[in-house]
Amino acid sequence: MNSEQIRWARRFKWISLIEGVSFLVLLFIAMPLKYIYDIPQAVTVVGWAHGILFIIYIYSVFPTASKLKWEFGRTLFALIASVLPFGPFIFDRNLKKSQHVDFIEHGSD
């Protein structure tokens, strides 16, 4: 991978991990607060944040796929991962293995 591809991969990694964390917070913190403790504001706030992050994630999949020359199957996997709990984390692990690079541990480019 060249330095531009590493930058795209690193950027996508952070977007996907933040989106994944927001989804888990929505499912396992905000939803119980709403339905168990009758605090609907938690879902409102976290839901908006997650929605914006989800849109950013989806918007970033296609240019990243193009820059990293992903096949259709990998792009589809990235899209499906965005709607599954823990999906972005699984996709990230798969991407690290297949690209043979740890995107975080490279120096700044």
PDB file of N, CA and C in Angstrom:
ATOM      1  N   MET A   1       0.846  -1.189   0.000  1.00  0.00           N
ATOM      2  CA  MET A   1       0.000   0.000   0.000  1.00  0.00           C
ATOM      3  C   MET A   1       0.882   1.241   0.000  1.00  0.00           C
ATOM      4  N   ASN A   2       0.489   2.210  -0.794  1.00  0.00           N
ATOM      5  CA  ASN A   2       1.233   3.462  -0.792  1.00  0.00           C
ATOM      6  C   ASN A   2       0.716   4.376   0.320  1.00  0.00           C
ATOM      7  N   SER A   3       1.365   5.511   0.498  1.00  0.00           N
ATOM      8  CA  SER A   3       1.018   6.381   1.629  1.00  0.00           C
ATOM      9  C   SER A   3      -0.393   6.956   1.504  1.00  0.00           C
ATOM     10  N   GLU A   4      -0.849   7.230   0.288  1.00  0.00           N
ATOM     11  CA  GLU A   4      -2.206   7.734   0.118  1.00  0.00           C
ATOM     12  C   GLU A   4      -3.234   6.671   0.508  1.00  0.00           C
ATOM     13  N   GLN A   5      -2.988   5.438   0.119  1.00  0.00           N
ATOM     14  CA  GLN A   5      -3.909   4.353   0.485  1.00  0.00           C
ATOM     15  C   GLN A   5      -3.920   4.146   2.001  1.00  0.00           C
ATOM     16  N   ILE A   6      -2.770   4.250   2.619  1.00  0.00           N
ATOM     17  CA  ILE A   6      -2.709   4.111   4.080  1.00  0.00           C
ATOM     18  C   ILE A   6      -3.510   5.221   4.750  1.00  0.00           C
ATOM     19  N   ARG A   7      -3.410   6.439   4.232  1.00  0.00           N
ATOM     20  CA  ARG A   7      -4.196   7.554   4.797  1.00  0.00           C
ATOM     21  C   ARG A   7      -5.692   7.286   4.661  1.00  0.00           C
ATOM     22  N   TRP A   8      -6.128   6.818   3.483  1.00  0.00           N
ATOM     23  CA  TRP A   8      -7.542   6.508   3.281  1.00  0.00           C
ATOM     24  C   TRP A   8      -7.980   5.387   4.214  1.00  0.00           C
ATOM     25  N   ALA A   9      -7.158   4.369   4.333  1.00  0.00           N
ATOM     26  CA  ALA A   9      -7.500   3.237   5.198  1.00  0.00           C
ATOM     27  C   ALA A   9      -7.573   3.674   6.654  1.00  0.00           C
ATOM     28  N   ARG A  10      -6.633   4.494   7.066  1.00  0.00           N
ATOM     29  CA  ARG A  10      -6.618   4.983   8.452  1.00  0.00           C
ATOM     30  C   ARG A  10      -7.852   5.827   8.731  1.00  0.00           C
ATOM     31  N   ARG A  11      -8.180   6.710   7.805  1.00  0.00           N
ATOM     32  CA  ARG A  11      -9.362   7.562   7.967  1.00  0.00           C
ATOM     33  C   ARG A  11     -10.624   6.707   8.067  1.00  0.00           C
ATOM     34  N   PHE A  12     -10.754   5.729   7.173  1.00  0.00           N
ATOM     35  CA  PHE A  12     -11.932   4.860   7.198  1.00  0.00           C
ATOM     36  C   PHE A  12     -11.995   4.047   8.481  1.00  0.00           C
ATOM     37  N   LYS A  13     -10.840   3.584   8.951  1.00  0.00           N
ATOM     38  CA  LYS A  13     -10.798   2.811  10.194  1.00  0.00           C
ATOM     39  C   LYS A  13     -11.387   3.629  11.340  1.00  0.00           C
ATOM     40  N   TRP A  14     -10.965   4.883  11.468  1.00  0.00           N
ATOM     41  CA  TRP A  14     -11.456   5.706  12.577  1.00  0.00           C
ATOM     42  C   TRP A  14     -12.937   6.018  12.431  1.00  0.00           C
ATOM     43  N   ILE A  15     -13.381   6.310  11.219  1.00  0.00           N
ATOM     44  CA  ILE A  15     -14.807   6.561  10.999  1.00  0.00           C
ATOM     45  C   ILE A  15     -15.613   5.323  11.379  1.00  0.00           C
ATOM     46  N   SER A  16     -15.156   4.155  10.929  1.00  0.00           N
ATOM     47  CA  SER A  16     -15.917   2.935  11.196  1.00  0.00           C
ATOM     48  C   SER A  16     -15.917   2.575  12.681  1.00  0.00           C
ATOM     49  N   LEU A  17     -14.802   2.765  13.356  1.00  0.00           N
ATOM     50  CA  LEU A  17     -14.766   2.428  14.776  1.00  0.00           C
ATOM     51  C   LEU A  17     -15.630   3.384  15.605  1.00  0.00           C
ATOM     52  N   ILE A  18     -15.602   4.660  15.268  1.00  0.00           N
ATOM     53  CA  ILE A  18     -16.445   5.622  15.995  1.00  0.00           C
ATOM     54  C   ILE A  18     -17.926   5.327  15.735  1.00  0.00           C
ATOM     55  N   GLU A  19     -18.265   5.025  14.489  1.00  0.00           N
ATOM     56  CA  GLU A  19     -19.647   4.677  14.161  1.00  0.00           C
ATOM     57  C   GLU A  19     -20.064   3.407  14.896  1.00  0.00           C
ATOM     58  N   GLY A  20     -19.167   2.420  14.944  1.00  0.00           N
ATOM     59  CA  GLY A  20     -19.459   1.168  15.642  1.00  0.00           C
ATOM     60  C   GLY A  20     -19.690   1.374  17.135  1.00  0.00           C
ATOM     61  N   VAL A  21     -18.875   2.214  17.747  1.00  0.00           N
ATOM     62  CA  VAL A  21     -19.043   2.511  19.174  1.00  0.00           C
ATOM     63  C   VAL A  21     -20.369   3.237  19.398  1.00  0.00           C
ATOM     64  N   SER A  22     -20.704   4.180  18.516  1.00  0.00           N
ATOM     65  CA  SER A  22     -21.975   4.905  18.687  1.00  0.00           C
ATOM     66  C   SER A  22     -23.176   3.957  18.591  1.00  0.00           C
ATOM     67  N   PHE A  23     -23.084   2.960  17.718  1.00  0.00           N
ATOM     68  CA  PHE A  23     -24.155   1.971  17.587  1.00  0.00           C
ATOM     69  C   PHE A  23     -24.278   1.143  18.864  1.00  0.00           C
ATOM     70  N   LEU A  24     -23.148   0.727  19.410  1.00  0.00           N
ATOM     71  CA  LEU A  24     -23.182  -0.058  20.650  1.00  0.00           C
ATOM     72  C   LEU A  24     -23.720   0.764  21.819  1.00  0.00           C
ATOM     73  N   VAL A  25     -23.343   2.039  21.891  1.00  0.00           N
ATOM     74  CA  VAL A  25     -23.872   2.911  22.942  1.00  0.00           C
ATOM     75  C   VAL A  25     -25.386   3.061  22.779  1.00  0.00           C
ATOM     76  N   LEU A  26     -25.835   3.215  21.540  1.00  0.00           N
ATOM     77  CA  LEU A  26     -27.272   3.317  21.291  1.00  0.00           C
ATOM     78  C   LEU A  26     -28.001   2.049  21.736  1.00  0.00           C
ATOM     79  N   LEU A  27     -27.468   0.887  21.349  1.00  0.00           N
ATOM     80  CA  LEU A  27     -28.138  -0.377  21.660  1.00  0.00           C
ATOM     81  C   LEU A  27     -28.073  -0.757  23.136  1.00  0.00           C
ATOM     82  N   PHE A  28     -26.897  -0.596  23.739  1.00  0.00           N
ATOM     83  CA  PHE A  28     -26.697  -1.167  25.074  1.00  0.00           C
ATOM     84  C   PHE A  28     -26.736  -0.162  26.224  1.00  0.00           C
ATOM     85  N   ILE A  29     -26.786   1.122  25.907  1.00  0.00           N
ATOM     86  CA  ILE A  29     -26.909   2.125  26.978  1.00  0.00           C
ATOM     87  C   ILE A  29     -28.181   2.957  26.785  1.00  0.00           C
ATOM     88  N   ALA A  30     -28.298   3.599  25.615  1.00  0.00           N
ATOM     89  CA  ALA A  30     -29.431   4.504  25.405  1.00  0.00           C
ATOM     90  C   ALA A  30     -30.777   3.768  25.364  1.00  0.00           C
ATOM     91  N   MET A  31     -30.834   2.649  24.666  1.00  0.00           N
ATOM     92  CA  MET A  31     -32.104   1.905  24.586  1.00  0.00           C
ATOM     93  C   MET A  31     -32.549   1.400  25.961  1.00  0.00           C
ATOM     94  N   PRO A  32     -31.669   0.791  26.754  1.00  0.00           N
ATOM     95  CA  PRO A  32     -32.111   0.411  28.107  1.00  0.00           C
ATOM     96  C   PRO A  32     -32.531   1.605  28.958  1.00  0.00           C
ATOM     97  N   LEU A  33     -31.829   2.740  28.803  1.00  0.00           N
ATOM     98  CA  LEU A  33     -32.249   3.927  29.559  1.00  0.00           C
ATOM     99  C   LEU A  33     -33.664   4.353  29.176  1.00  0.00           C
ATOM    100  N   LYS A  34     -33.974   4.238  27.905  1.00  0.00           N
ATOM    101  CA  LYS A  34     -35.308   4.624  27.441  1.00  0.00           C
ATOM    102  C   LYS A  34     -36.375   3.643  27.916  1.00  0.00           C
ATOM    103  N   TYR A  35     -36.141   2.361  27.696  1.00  0.00           N
ATOM    104  CA  TYR A  35     -37.204   1.383  27.931  1.00  0.00           C
ATOM    105  C   TYR A  35     -37.251   0.815  29.344  1.00  0.00           C
ATOM    106  N   ILE A  36     -36.141   0.841  30.048  1.00  0.00           N
ATOM    107  CA  ILE A  36     -36.144   0.330  31.424  1.00  0.00           C
ATOM    108  C   ILE A  36     -36.338   1.459  32.427  1.00  0.00           C
ATOM    109  N   TYR A  37     -35.637   2.587  32.194  1.00  0.00           N
ATOM    110  CA  TYR A  37     -35.658   3.675  33.166  1.00  0.00           C
ATOM    111  C   TYR A  37     -36.478   4.878  32.711  1.00  0.00           C
ATOM    112  N   ASP A  38     -37.171   4.749  31.578  1.00  0.00           N
ATOM    113  CA  ASP A  38     -38.048   5.802  31.061  1.00  0.00           C
ATOM    114  C   ASP A  38     -37.314   7.134  30.881  1.00  0.00           C
ATOM    115  N   ILE A  39     -36.145   7.067  30.239  1.00  0.00           N
ATOM    116  CA  ILE A  39     -35.370   8.271  29.919  1.00  0.00           C
ATOM    117  C   ILE A  39     -35.203   8.323  28.397  1.00  0.00           C
ATOM    118  N   PRO A  40     -36.219   8.790  27.674  1.00  0.00           N
ATOM    119  CA  PRO A  40     -36.170   8.770  26.205  1.00  0.00           C
ATOM    120  C   PRO A  40     -35.147   9.736  25.609  1.00  0.00           C
ATOM    121  N   GLN A  41     -34.708  10.726  26.373  1.00  0.00           N
ATOM    122  CA  GLN A  41     -33.732  11.687  25.853  1.00  0.00           C
ATOM    123  C   GLN A  41     -32.420  11.013  25.458  1.00  0.00           C
ATOM    124  N   ALA A  42     -32.072   9.918  26.114  1.00  0.00           N
ATOM    125  CA  ALA A  42     -30.825   9.208  25.796  1.00  0.00           C
ATOM    126  C   ALA A  42     -30.840   8.726  24.347  1.00  0.00           C
ATOM    127  N   VAL A  43     -31.976   8.160  23.921  1.00  0.00           N
ATOM    128  CA  VAL A  43     -32.080   7.677  22.538  1.00  0.00           C
ATOM    129  C   VAL A  43     -32.104   8.856  21.567  1.00  0.00           C
ATOM    130  N   THR A  44     -32.732   9.934  21.960  1.00  0.00           N
ATOM    131  CA  THR A  44     -32.784  11.103  21.081  1.00  0.00           C
ATOM    132  C   THR A  44     -31.383  11.624  20.798  1.00  0.00           C
ATOM    133  N   VAL A  45     -30.607  11.825  21.823  1.00  0.00           N
ATOM    134  CA  VAL A  45     -29.259  12.386  21.671  1.00  0.00           C
ATOM    135  C   VAL A  45     -28.325  11.394  20.984  1.00  0.00           C
ATOM    136  N   VAL A  46     -28.253  10.196  21.515  1.00  0.00           N
ATOM    137  CA  VAL A  46     -27.342   9.188  20.948  1.00  0.00           C
ATOM    138  C   VAL A  46     -27.812   8.773  19.559  1.00  0.00           C
ATOM    139  N   GLY A  47     -29.113   8.700  19.359  1.00  0.00           N
ATOM    140  CA  GLY A  47     -29.653   8.335  18.052  1.00  0.00           C
ATOM    141  C   GLY A  47     -29.267   9.334  16.972  1.00  0.00           C
ATOM    142  N   TRP A  48     -29.357  10.630  17.287  1.00  0.00           N
ATOM    143  CA  TRP A  48     -28.935  11.654  16.322  1.00  0.00           C
ATOM    144  C   TRP A  48     -27.446  11.533  16.013  1.00  0.00           C
ATOM    145  N   ALA A  49     -26.650  11.390  17.048  1.00  0.00           N
ATOM    146  CA  ALA A  49     -25.201  11.280  16.846  1.00  0.00           C
ATOM    147  C   ALA A  49     -24.878  10.048  16.001  1.00  0.00           C
ATOM    148  N   HIS A  50     -25.500   8.932  16.339  1.00  0.00           N
ATOM    149  CA  HIS A  50     -25.246   7.708  15.579  1.00  0.00           C
ATOM    150  C   HIS A  50     -25.724   7.863  14.130  1.00  0.00           C
ATOM    151  N   GLY A  51     -26.850   8.487  13.928  1.00  0.00           N
ATOM    152  CA  GLY A  51     -27.364   8.693  12.573  1.00  0.00           C
ATOM    153  C   GLY A  51     -26.402   9.499  11.710  1.00  0.00           C
ATOM    154  N   ILE A  52     -25.859  10.554  12.271  1.00  0.00           N
ATOM    155  CA  ILE A  52     -24.884  11.370  11.537  1.00  0.00           C
ATOM    156  C   ILE A  52     -23.630  10.559  11.249  1.00  0.00           C
ATOM    157  N   LEU A  53     -23.149   9.811  12.244  1.00  0.00           N
ATOM    158  CA  LEU A  53     -21.955   8.983  12.039  1.00  0.00           C
ATOM    159  C   LEU A  53     -22.212   7.874  11.024  1.00  0.00           C
ATOM    160  N   PHE A  54     -23.401   7.318  11.024  1.00  0.00           N
ATOM    161  CA  PHE A  54     -23.763   6.285  10.050  1.00  0.00           C
ATOM    162  C   PHE A  54     -23.722   6.849   8.632  1.00  0.00           C
ATOM    163  N   ILE A  55     -24.263   8.034   8.441  1.00  0.00           N
ATOM    164  CA  ILE A  55     -24.242   8.671   7.124  1.00  0.00           C
ATOM    165  C   ILE A  55     -22.801   8.942   6.684  1.00  0.00           C
ATOM    166  N   ILE A  56     -21.969   9.424   7.588  1.00  0.00           N
ATOM    167  CA  ILE A  56     -20.561   9.658   7.267  1.00  0.00           C
ATOM    168  C   ILE A  56     -19.887   8.343   6.882  1.00  0.00           C
ATOM    169  N   TYR A  57     -20.195   7.283   7.613  1.00  0.00           N
ATOM    170  CA  TYR A  57     -19.619   5.965   7.308  1.00  0.00           C
ATOM    171  C   TYR A  57     -20.002   5.531   5.899  1.00  0.00           C
ATOM    172  N   ILE A  58     -21.297   5.554   5.600  1.00  0.00           N
ATOM    173  CA  ILE A  58     -21.770   5.118   4.284  1.00  0.00           C
ATOM    174  C   ILE A  58     -21.154   5.992   3.193  1.00  0.00           C
ATOM    175  N   TYR A  59     -21.098   7.289   3.429  1.00  0.00           N
ATOM    176  CA  TYR A  59     -20.511   8.222   2.473  1.00  0.00           C
ATOM    177  C   TYR A  59     -19.027   7.942   2.241  1.00  0.00           C
ATOM    178  N   SER A  60     -18.333   7.426   3.249  1.00  0.00           N
ATOM    179  CA  SER A  60     -16.887   7.182   3.119  1.00  0.00           C
ATOM    180  C   SER A  60     -16.550   5.805   2.544  1.00  0.00           C
ATOM    181  N   VAL A  61     -17.497   4.873   2.524  1.00  0.00           N
ATOM    182  CA  VAL A  61     -17.215   3.525   2.024  1.00  0.00           C
ATOM    183  C   VAL A  61     -16.781   3.553   0.561  1.00  0.00           C
ATOM    184  N   PHE A  62     -17.518   4.251  -0.274  1.00  0.00           N
ATOM    185  CA  PHE A  62     -17.269   4.163  -1.718  1.00  0.00           C
ATOM    186  C   PHE A  62     -15.953   4.789  -2.161  1.00  0.00           C
ATOM    187  N   PRO A  63     -15.599   5.993  -1.701  1.00  0.00           N
ATOM    188  CA  PRO A  63     -14.279   6.498  -2.100  1.00  0.00           C
ATOM    189  C   PRO A  63     -13.134   5.667  -1.516  1.00  0.00           C
ATOM    190  N   THR A  64     -13.331   5.143  -0.311  1.00  0.00           N
ATOM    191  CA  THR A  64     -12.297   4.290   0.288  1.00  0.00           C
ATOM    192  C   THR A  64     -12.151   3.009  -0.523  1.00  0.00           C
ATOM    193  N   ALA A  65     -13.267   2.421  -0.899  1.00  0.00           N
ATOM    194  CA  ALA A  65     -13.235   1.201  -1.713  1.00  0.00           C
ATOM    195  C   ALA A  65     -12.517   1.455  -3.031  1.00  0.00           C
ATOM    196  N   SER A  66     -12.748   2.605  -3.607  1.00  0.00           N
ATOM    197  CA  SER A  66     -12.091   2.945  -4.869  1.00  0.00           C
ATOM    198  C   SER A  66     -10.586   3.120  -4.686  1.00  0.00           C
ATOM    199  N   LYS A  67     -10.191   3.879  -3.661  1.00  0.00           N
ATOM    200  CA  LYS A  67      -8.760   4.139  -3.416  1.00  0.00           C
ATOM    201  C   LYS A  67      -8.009   2.868  -3.050  1.00  0.00           C
ATOM    202  N   LEU A  68      -8.660   1.986  -2.276  1.00  0.00           N
ATOM    203  CA  LEU A  68      -7.985   0.766  -1.828  1.00  0.00           C
ATOM    204  C   LEU A  68      -8.219  -0.406  -2.778  1.00  0.00           C
ATOM    205  N   LYS A  69      -8.962  -0.141  -3.854  1.00  0.00           N
ATOM    206  CA  LYS A  69      -9.218  -1.152  -4.887  1.00  0.00           C
ATOM    207  C   LYS A  69      -9.892  -2.406  -4.319  1.00  0.00           C
ATOM    208  N   TRP A  70     -10.939  -2.163  -3.509  1.00  0.00           N
ATOM    209  CA  TRP A  70     -11.690  -3.269  -2.951  1.00  0.00           C
ATOM    210  C   TRP A  70     -12.521  -3.914  -4.045  1.00  0.00           C
ATOM    211  N   GLU A  71     -12.702  -5.206  -3.921  1.00  0.00           N
ATOM    212  CA  GLU A  71     -13.624  -5.917  -4.792  1.00  0.00           C
ATOM    213  C   GLU A  71     -15.048  -5.666  -4.300  1.00  0.00           C
ATOM    214  N   PHE A  72     -16.021  -6.040  -5.123  1.00  0.00           N
ATOM    215  CA  PHE A  72     -17.422  -5.833  -4.771  1.00  0.00           C
ATOM    216  C   PHE A  72     -17.768  -6.480  -3.437  1.00  0.00           C
ATOM    217  N   GLY A  73     -17.275  -7.703  -3.207  1.00  0.00           N
ATOM    218  CA  GLY A  73     -17.584  -8.424  -1.976  1.00  0.00           C
ATOM    219  C   GLY A  73     -17.112  -7.701  -0.728  1.00  0.00           C
ATOM    220  N   ARG A  74     -15.924  -7.122  -0.790  1.00  0.00           N
ATOM    221  CA  ARG A  74     -15.406  -6.389   0.376  1.00  0.00           C
ATOM    222  C   ARG A  74     -16.211  -5.118   0.604  1.00  0.00           C
ATOM    223  N   THR A  75     -16.584  -4.433  -0.461  1.00  0.00           N
ATOM    224  CA  THR A  75     -17.401  -3.222  -0.323  1.00  0.00           C
ATOM    225  C   THR A  75     -18.756  -3.577   0.277  1.00  0.00           C
ATOM    226  N   LEU A  76     -19.351  -4.656  -0.191  1.00  0.00           N
ATOM    227  CA  LEU A  76     -20.625  -5.117   0.360  1.00  0.00           C
ATOM    228  C   LEU A  76     -20.469  -5.485   1.836  1.00  0.00           C
ATOM    229  N   PHE A  77     -19.369  -6.149   2.179  1.00  0.00           N
ATOM    230  CA  PHE A  77     -19.087  -6.507   3.573  1.00  0.00           C
ATOM    231  C   PHE A  77     -19.013  -5.247   4.433  1.00  0.00           C
ATOM    232  N   ALA A  78     -18.366  -4.191   3.925  1.00  0.00           N
ATOM    233  CA  ALA A  78     -18.271  -2.930   4.670  1.00  0.00           C
ATOM    234  C   ALA A  78     -19.652  -2.329   4.894  1.00  0.00           C
ATOM    235  N   LEU A  79     -20.512  -2.403   3.887  1.00  0.00           N
ATOM    236  CA  LEU A  79     -21.860  -1.856   4.025  1.00  0.00           C
ATOM    237  C   LEU A  79     -22.700  -2.674   5.001  1.00  0.00           C
ATOM    238  N   ILE A  80     -22.613  -3.980   4.917  1.00  0.00           N
ATOM    239  CA  ILE A  80     -23.369  -4.846   5.836  1.00  0.00           C
ATOM    240  C   ILE A  80     -22.857  -4.690   7.264  1.00  0.00           C
ATOM    241  N   ALA A  81     -21.548  -4.558   7.407  1.00  0.00           N
ATOM    242  CA  ALA A  81     -20.959  -4.405   8.749  1.00  0.00           C
ATOM    243  C   ALA A  81     -21.504  -3.183   9.472  1.00  0.00           C
ATOM    244  N   SER A  82     -21.894  -2.165   8.724  1.00  0.00           N
ATOM    245  CA  SER A  82     -22.369  -0.934   9.358  1.00  0.00           C
ATOM    246  C   SER A  82     -23.709  -1.096  10.064  1.00  0.00           C
ATOM    247  N   VAL A  83     -24.459  -2.126   9.737  1.00  0.00           N
ATOM    248  CA  VAL A  83     -25.778  -2.300  10.357  1.00  0.00           C
ATOM    249  C   VAL A  83     -25.804  -3.448  11.371  1.00  0.00           C
ATOM    250  N   LEU A  84     -24.664  -4.054  11.623  1.00  0.00           N
ATOM    251  CA  LEU A  84     -24.583  -5.149  12.595  1.00  0.00           C
ATOM    252  C   LEU A  84     -23.818  -4.701  13.836  1.00  0.00           C
ATOM    253  N   PRO A  85     -24.332  -5.038  15.020  1.00  0.00           N
ATOM    254  CA  PRO A  85     -23.536  -4.753  16.212  1.00  0.00           C
ATOM    255  C   PRO A  85     -22.180  -5.458  16.091  1.00  0.00           C
ATOM    256  N   PHE A  86     -21.137  -4.776  16.412  1.00  0.00           N
ATOM    257  CA  PHE A  86     -19.754  -5.262  16.338  1.00  0.00           C
ATOM    258  C   PHE A  86     -19.263  -5.449  14.902  1.00  0.00           C
ATOM    259  N   GLY A  87     -20.101  -5.173  13.907  1.00  0.00           N
ATOM    260  CA  GLY A  87     -19.722  -5.344  12.514  1.00  0.00           C
ATOM    261  C   GLY A  87     -18.503  -4.544  12.086  1.00  0.00           C
ATOM    262  N   PRO A  88     -18.438  -3.250  12.427  1.00  0.00           N
ATOM    263  CA  PRO A  88     -17.262  -2.481  12.024  1.00  0.00           C
ATOM    264  C   PRO A  88     -15.954  -3.018  12.620  1.00  0.00           C
ATOM    265  N   PHE A  89     -16.032  -3.583  13.806  1.00  0.00           N
ATOM    266  CA  PHE A  89     -14.827  -4.130  14.439  1.00  0.00           C
ATOM    267  C   PHE A  89     -14.379  -5.400  13.721  1.00  0.00           C
ATOM    268  N   ILE A  90     -15.338  -6.219  13.322  1.00  0.00           N
ATOM    269  CA  ILE A  90     -15.024  -7.440  12.570  1.00  0.00           C
ATOM    270  C   ILE A  90     -14.465  -7.074  11.203  1.00  0.00           C
ATOM    271  N   PHE A  91     -15.083  -6.082  10.543  1.00  0.00           N
ATOM    272  CA  PHE A  91     -14.595  -5.653   9.241  1.00  0.00           C
ATOM    273  C   PHE A  91     -13.168  -5.112   9.353  1.00  0.00           C
ATOM    274  N   ASP A  92     -12.896  -4.327  10.380  1.00  0.00           N
ATOM    275  CA  ASP A  92     -11.555  -3.775  10.576  1.00  0.00           C
ATOM    276  C   ASP A  92     -10.528  -4.891  10.737  1.00  0.00           C
ATOM    277  N   ARG A  93     -10.849  -5.886  11.522  1.00  0.00           N
ATOM    278  CA  ARG A  93      -9.924  -7.006  11.717  1.00  0.00           C
ATOM    279  C   ARG A  93      -9.682  -7.743  10.401  1.00  0.00           C
ATOM    280  N   ASN A  94     -10.745  -7.954   9.641  1.00  0.00           N
ATOM    281  CA  ASN A  94     -10.623  -8.605   8.340  1.00  0.00           C
ATOM    282  C   ASN A  94      -9.774  -7.773   7.390  1.00  0.00           C
ATOM    283  N   LEU A  95      -9.954  -6.469   7.407  1.00  0.00           N
ATOM    284  CA  LEU A  95      -9.194  -5.584   6.531  1.00  0.00           C
ATOM    285  C   LEU A  95      -7.711  -5.598   6.890  1.00  0.00           C
ATOM    286  N   LYS A  96      -7.404  -5.579   8.183  1.00  0.00           N
ATOM    287  CA  LYS A  96      -5.999  -5.640   8.614  1.00  0.00           C
ATOM    288  C   LYS A  96      -5.331  -6.912   8.115  1.00  0.00           C
ATOM    289  N   LYS A  97      -6.023  -8.031   8.265  1.00  0.00           N
ATOM    290  CA  LYS A  97      -5.456  -9.313   7.832  1.00  0.00           C
ATOM    291  C   LYS A  97      -5.243  -9.338   6.323  1.00  0.00           C
ATOM    292  N   SER A  98      -6.223  -8.878   5.582  1.00  0.00           N
ATOM    293  CA  SER A  98      -6.146  -8.977   4.125  1.00  0.00           C
ATOM    294  C   SER A  98      -5.191  -7.959   3.513  1.00  0.00           C
ATOM    295  N   GLN A  99      -5.048  -6.799   4.122  1.00  0.00           N
ATOM    296  CA  GLN A  99      -4.158  -5.768   3.590  1.00  0.00           C
ATOM    297  C   GLN A  99      -2.750  -5.879   4.175  1.00  0.00           C
ATOM    298  N   HIS A 100      -2.565  -6.718   5.180  1.00  0.00           N
ATOM    299  CA  HIS A 100      -1.258  -6.956   5.807  1.00  0.00           C
ATOM    300  C   HIS A 100      -0.602  -5.673   6.303  1.00  0.00           C
ATOM    301  N   VAL A 101      -1.401  -4.830   6.929  1.00  0.00           N
ATOM    302  CA  VAL A 101      -0.852  -3.591   7.465  1.00  0.00           C
ATOM    303  C   VAL A 101      -1.693  -3.182   8.673  1.00  0.00           C
ATOM    304  N   ASP A 102      -1.023  -2.669   9.691  1.00  0.00           N
ATOM    305  CA  ASP A 102      -1.731  -2.114  10.839  1.00  0.00           C
ATOM    306  C   ASP A 102      -1.771  -0.616  10.628  1.00  0.00           C
ATOM    307  N   PHE A 103      -2.933  -0.075  10.356  1.00  0.00           N
ATOM    308  CA  PHE A 103      -3.075   1.299   9.936  1.00  0.00           C
ATOM    309  C   PHE A 103      -2.738   2.314  11.017  1.00  0.00           C
ATOM    310  N   ILE A 104      -2.811   1.950  12.266  1.00  0.00           N
ATOM    311  CA  ILE A 104      -2.558   2.891  13.353  1.00  0.00           C
ATOM    312  C   ILE A 104      -1.066   3.060  13.604  1.00  0.00           C
ATOM    313  N   GLU A 105      -0.301   2.015  13.465  1.00  0.00           N
ATOM    314  CA  GLU A 105       1.076   2.049  13.908  1.00  0.00           C
ATOM    315  C   GLU A 105       2.044   2.645  12.903  1.00  0.00           C
ATOM    316  N   HIS A 106       1.570   3.123  11.767  1.00  0.00           N
ATOM    317  CA  HIS A 106       2.447   3.792  10.808  1.00  0.00           C
ATOM    318  C   HIS A 106       2.678   5.226  11.267  1.00  0.00           C
ATOM    319  N   GLY A 107       3.809   5.753  10.945  1.00  0.00           N
ATOM    320  CA  GLY A 107       4.091   7.146  11.265  1.00  0.00           C
ATOM    321  C   GLY A 107       3.213   8.055  10.443  1.00  0.00           C
ATOM    322  N   SER A 108       3.222   9.335  10.775  1.00  0.00           N
ATOM    323  CA  SER A 108       2.399  10.254  10.012  1.00  0.00           C
ATOM    324  C   SER A 108       2.952  10.407   8.607  1.00  0.00           C
ATOM    325  N   ASP A 109       2.048  10.488   7.659  1.00  0.00           N
ATOM    326  CA  ASP A 109       2.431  10.556   6.247  1.00  0.00           C
ATOM    327  C   ASP A 109       2.179  11.915   5.696  1.00  0.00           C
TER     328      ASP A 109
END
